[in-house]
Amino acid sequence: MSSIPVSCLNELLQHCCTIKKLSLESLEVNEQTFSCLKKAQDLDTLNLCLCQGVSPSGVIHLKALTKLESLNIAWALRDRMGIIALIDSLSHSLKRLNLSGCRDSLLDPDVRNLVKASPDLIELDLSDCSTLQYSCDSLIQLKHLRHLAISRCDNLVFIEKLTCLNLECLDMFTHDLLTEDFLFTSFPKAAINQCRTSTIARPTVGQKKSSIWGMRTRPLVKV
């Protein structure tokens, strides 16, 4: 994990207009950071997980990233205004989104608007969004959805409606053991609770330290 002052980060990003994939996980950012990012018109993968300083005035610049396919902004949005600004800025081309950690700031109407903004989502993580209750009615509109994470969304009801989707992976870690039994029964073709950590927009995952976003960074060494 890297560490860099936000002023240096912004100076660097001003000269990276052709970048396609970028991870700023856990770094401090500000509105200027997003202003620099919007110049990277070919950016297709962006990881802002756990970033500090993400503001509504900053995320609106993401609207310029029309080729963005993977976005991880988990645990970075602190309030309702930021969430509303983000959803209003989501690209129609978005395929993978991690919006976990919003706690009580993400509401059912926001999920409805999210589905309208990015209808071709393949992977979506809404874990730890505890206020969600009736969002399954919106989620079933995502016809291409294959991986859904809704762990600790304990107020979410009508989970059985999700059976109409062709889900390959469903992560719903809770403290309710009966819930897991229900999932295995209701989603027999899906992998249940196999991913405890999101891989969306992250350059390396688990033990795969010899590649970044699936691209090898060093040759294999035989011992």
Protein backbone atom coordinates (compact mmCIF):
# COMPACT_ATOMS: atom_id res chain seq x y z
CA MET A 1 0.00 0.00 0.00
CA SER A 2 1.45 3.35 -1.01
CA SER A 3 1.51 6.68 0.79
CA ILE A 4 1.79 10.01 -0.98
CA PRO A 5 0.82 13.59 -0.08
CA VAL A 6 -2.29 14.73 -1.92
CA SER A 7 -0.40 17.64 -3.49
CA CYS A 8 2.16 15.25 -5.00
CA LEU A 9 -0.58 12.90 -6.12
CA ASN A 10 -2.39 15.67 -7.96
CA GLU A 11 0.81 16.83 -9.62
CA LEU A 12 1.46 13.29 -10.80
CA LEU A 13 -2.08 12.77 -12.12
CA GLN A 14 -1.86 15.92 -14.21
CA HIS A 15 0.67 14.09 -16.38
CA CYS A 16 -1.21 10.77 -16.60
CA CYS A 17 -3.94 11.55 -19.08
CA THR A 18 -3.58 8.22 -20.91
CA ILE A 19 -3.79 5.98 -17.86
CA LYS A 20 -6.34 3.15 -18.05
CA LYS A 21 -6.27 1.60 -14.58
CA LEU A 22 -5.61 3.33 -11.27
CA SER A 23 -5.74 2.37 -7.59
CA LEU A 24 -5.66 5.08 -4.93
CA GLU A 25 -6.84 2.86 -2.09
CA SER A 26 -6.58 4.44 1.38
CA LEU A 27 -4.98 7.63 0.06
CA GLU A 28 -6.05 11.17 0.84
CA VAL A 29 -7.72 12.88 -2.13
CA ASN A 30 -9.50 16.17 -2.76
CA GLU A 31 -11.55 17.87 -5.44
CA GLN A 32 -8.45 18.66 -7.49
CA THR A 33 -7.66 14.93 -7.57
CA PHE A 34 -10.98 14.25 -9.30
CA SER A 35 -10.50 17.21 -11.59
CA CYS A 36 -7.25 15.63 -12.75
CA LEU A 37 -8.87 12.22 -13.11
CA LYS A 38 -11.56 13.46 -15.48
CA LYS A 39 -8.83 14.19 -18.03
CA ALA A 40 -8.02 10.48 -18.23
CA GLN A 41 -10.67 9.73 -20.83
CA ASP A 42 -9.47 6.14 -21.33
CA LEU A 43 -9.70 5.21 -17.63
CA ASP A 44 -11.66 1.97 -17.29
CA THR A 45 -10.74 0.88 -13.73
CA LEU A 46 -10.63 3.08 -10.62
CA ASN A 47 -10.13 2.03 -7.00
CA LEU A 48 -11.00 4.67 -4.39
CA CYS A 49 -11.67 2.24 -1.55
CA LEU A 50 -11.12 3.79 1.90
CA CYS A 51 -9.99 7.10 0.41
CA GLN A 52 -10.24 10.16 2.63
CA GLY A 53 -11.47 13.48 1.29
CA VAL A 54 -14.02 12.16 -1.22
CA SER A 55 -16.62 14.92 -1.56
CA PRO A 56 -19.78 15.55 -3.62
CA SER A 57 -17.97 18.27 -5.57
CA GLY A 58 -15.24 15.79 -6.35
CA VAL A 59 -17.22 12.75 -7.47
CA ILE A 60 -19.27 14.74 -9.98
CA HIS A 61 -16.12 14.83 -12.14
CA LEU A 62 -16.47 11.07 -12.62
CA LYS A 63 -19.26 11.81 -15.08
CA ALA A 64 -16.56 12.64 -17.63
CA LEU A 65 -15.17 9.09 -17.45
CA THR A 66 -17.45 7.54 -20.05
CA LYS A 67 -15.28 4.41 -20.47
CA LEU A 68 -15.22 3.54 -16.77
CA GLU A 69 -16.16 -0.12 -16.27
CA SER A 70 -14.97 -0.91 -12.72
CA LEU A 71 -15.30 1.42 -9.74
CA ASN A 72 -14.55 0.69 -6.09
CA ILE A 73 -15.54 3.51 -3.78
CA ALA A 74 -16.23 1.41 -0.69
CA TRP A 75 -16.09 3.13 2.71
CA ALA A 76 -15.20 6.46 1.09
CA LEU A 77 -18.56 8.23 0.99
CA ARG A 78 -19.61 9.74 4.28
CA ASP A 79 -22.96 11.38 3.67
CA ARG A 80 -26.11 11.50 1.58
CA MET A 81 -24.92 14.32 -0.66
CA GLY A 82 -21.88 12.35 -1.71
CA ILE A 83 -23.94 9.29 -2.59
CA ILE A 84 -26.46 11.30 -4.58
CA ALA A 85 -23.66 13.04 -6.48
CA LEU A 86 -21.96 9.73 -7.21
CA ILE A 87 -25.04 8.00 -8.57
CA ASP A 88 -25.78 11.02 -10.72
CA SER A 89 -22.26 10.68 -12.16
CA LEU A 90 -22.19 6.93 -12.85
CA SER A 91 -21.36 5.87 -16.38
CA HIS A 92 -23.76 3.82 -18.46
CA SER A 93 -20.73 1.66 -19.35
CA LEU A 94 -20.11 0.64 -15.73
CA LYS A 95 -19.92 -3.13 -15.23
CA ARG A 96 -18.59 -3.51 -11.69
CA LEU A 97 -19.32 -1.30 -8.68
CA ASN A 98 -18.41 -1.54 -5.01
CA LEU A 99 -20.49 0.88 -2.96
CA SER A 100 -20.22 -0.95 0.34
CA GLY A 101 -19.84 0.72 3.71
CA CYS A 102 -22.46 3.43 3.26
CA ARG A 103 -24.14 2.39 6.52
CA ASP A 104 -27.35 4.42 6.85
CA SER A 105 -26.59 6.88 4.03
CA LEU A 106 -27.66 4.69 1.07
CA LEU A 107 -31.42 4.43 0.71
CA ASP A 108 -33.75 2.34 -1.44
CA PRO A 109 -34.44 5.22 -3.89
CA ASP A 110 -30.68 5.54 -4.41
CA VAL A 111 -30.44 1.90 -5.49
CA ARG A 112 -33.33 2.46 -7.88
CA ASN A 113 -31.50 5.41 -9.42
CA LEU A 114 -28.25 3.44 -9.50
CA VAL A 115 -29.91 0.67 -11.53
CA LYS A 116 -31.23 3.22 -14.00
CA ALA A 117 -27.83 4.89 -14.35
CA SER A 118 -25.84 1.65 -14.86
CA PRO A 119 -28.23 -1.06 -16.09
CA ASP A 120 -25.49 -3.37 -17.40
CA LEU A 121 -23.83 -4.09 -14.06
CA ILE A 122 -22.30 -7.55 -13.80
CA GLU A 123 -20.98 -7.25 -10.25
CA LEU A 124 -22.33 -5.12 -7.40
CA ASP A 125 -21.33 -4.85 -3.76
CA LEU A 126 -23.73 -3.10 -1.38
CA SER A 127 -22.49 -4.71 1.82
CA ASP A 128 -22.83 -2.80 5.09
CA CYS A 129 -25.60 -0.59 3.75
CA SER A 130 -27.84 -1.25 6.71
CA THR A 131 -30.74 1.03 5.78
CA LEU A 132 -31.67 -0.85 2.61
CA GLN A 133 -35.00 -2.61 2.90
CA TYR A 134 -36.91 -2.95 -0.38
CA SER A 135 -34.02 -2.69 -2.86
CA CYS A 136 -34.47 -6.24 -4.21
CA ASP A 137 -37.29 -4.83 -6.34
CA SER A 138 -34.68 -2.67 -8.07
CA LEU A 139 -31.87 -5.22 -8.15
CA ILE A 140 -33.90 -7.72 -10.17
CA GLN A 141 -33.87 -5.19 -13.02
CA LEU A 142 -30.13 -5.84 -13.46
CA LYS A 143 -30.49 -8.62 -16.03
CA HIS A 144 -26.73 -9.05 -16.50
CA LEU A 145 -25.91 -9.24 -12.78
CA ARG A 146 -23.78 -12.29 -11.93
CA HIS A 147 -22.14 -11.41 -8.61
CA LEU A 148 -24.02 -9.67 -5.79
CA ALA A 149 -22.71 -8.89 -2.31
CA ILE A 150 -25.23 -7.74 0.30
CA SER A 151 -23.53 -8.81 3.52
CA ARG A 152 -24.85 -7.28 6.73
CA CYS A 153 -27.76 -5.62 4.95
CA ASP A 154 -29.88 -7.04 7.72
CA ASN A 155 -33.02 -5.01 6.98
CA LEU A 156 -33.23 -6.17 3.36
CA VAL A 157 -36.44 -8.10 2.68
CA PHE A 158 -37.83 -10.24 -0.14
CA ILE A 159 -34.44 -11.83 -0.88
CA GLU A 160 -36.28 -14.63 -2.67
CA LYS A 161 -37.07 -12.23 -5.52
CA LEU A 162 -33.39 -12.42 -6.52
CA THR A 163 -33.88 -16.00 -7.67
CA CYS A 164 -35.05 -14.66 -11.03
CA LEU A 165 -31.48 -13.49 -11.70
CA ASN A 166 -28.78 -15.76 -13.11
CA LEU A 167 -26.46 -15.18 -10.17
CA GLU A 168 -23.17 -17.05 -10.17
CA CYS A 169 -22.00 -15.66 -6.81
CA LEU A 170 -24.02 -14.37 -3.87
CA ASP A 171 -22.32 -13.07 -0.74
CA MET A 172 -24.60 -12.42 2.18
CA PHE A 173 -22.61 -12.87 5.37
CA THR A 174 -24.81 -12.26 8.41
CA HIS A 175 -25.11 -13.41 12.00
CA ASP A 176 -28.22 -15.39 11.12
CA LEU A 177 -27.31 -19.04 10.44
CA LEU A 178 -30.78 -19.73 9.06
CA THR A 179 -30.13 -17.19 6.32
CA GLU A 180 -27.23 -19.22 4.92
CA ASP A 181 -29.33 -22.39 4.81
CA PHE A 182 -32.01 -20.46 2.94
CA LEU A 183 -29.45 -19.18 0.42
CA PHE A 184 -28.10 -22.63 -0.40
CA THR A 185 -31.63 -23.87 -0.96
CA SER A 186 -32.90 -20.90 -2.96
CA PHE A 187 -29.78 -20.38 -5.11
CA PRO A 188 -28.53 -23.92 -5.89
CA LYS A 189 -26.49 -22.81 -8.92
CA ALA A 190 -24.72 -19.91 -7.21
CA ALA A 191 -21.53 -19.93 -5.15
CA ILE A 192 -22.67 -18.79 -1.71
CA ASN A 193 -20.45 -16.72 0.58
CA GLN A 194 -17.21 -17.50 -1.23
CA CYS A 195 -15.76 -13.97 -1.31
CA ARG A 196 -15.13 -12.21 1.97
CA THR A 197 -13.15 -9.43 0.29
CA SER A 198 -14.20 -7.56 -2.82
CA THR A 199 -11.95 -7.81 -5.87
CA ILE A 200 -13.64 -4.96 -7.76
CA ALA A 201 -11.04 -2.58 -9.28
CA ARG A 202 -8.30 -3.90 -7.00
CA PRO A 203 -4.94 -4.53 -8.72
CA THR A 204 -3.92 -7.55 -6.66
CA VAL A 205 -6.03 -9.98 -4.67
CA GLY A 206 -4.96 -12.70 -2.25
CA GLN A 207 -1.74 -14.46 -3.15
CA LYS A 208 -1.63 -13.25 -6.77
CA LYS A 209 1.30 -10.90 -6.16
CA SER A 210 2.96 -11.50 -9.51
CA SER A 211 0.27 -9.74 -11.50
CA ILE A 212 -1.62 -6.46 -11.53
CA TRP A 213 -5.18 -6.50 -12.81
CA GLY A 214 -4.45 -9.90 -14.34
CA MET A 215 -1.35 -8.72 -16.20
CA ARG A 216 1.93 -10.42 -15.24
CA THR A 217 4.51 -8.10 -13.73
CA ARG A 218 7.44 -10.46 -13.50
CA PRO A 219 8.44 -13.78 -15.09
CA LEU A 220 7.86 -17.04 -13.30
CA VAL A 221 10.94 -18.27 -11.49
CA LYS A 222 11.33 -22.03 -11.20
CA VAL A 223 13.05 -23.21 -8.04
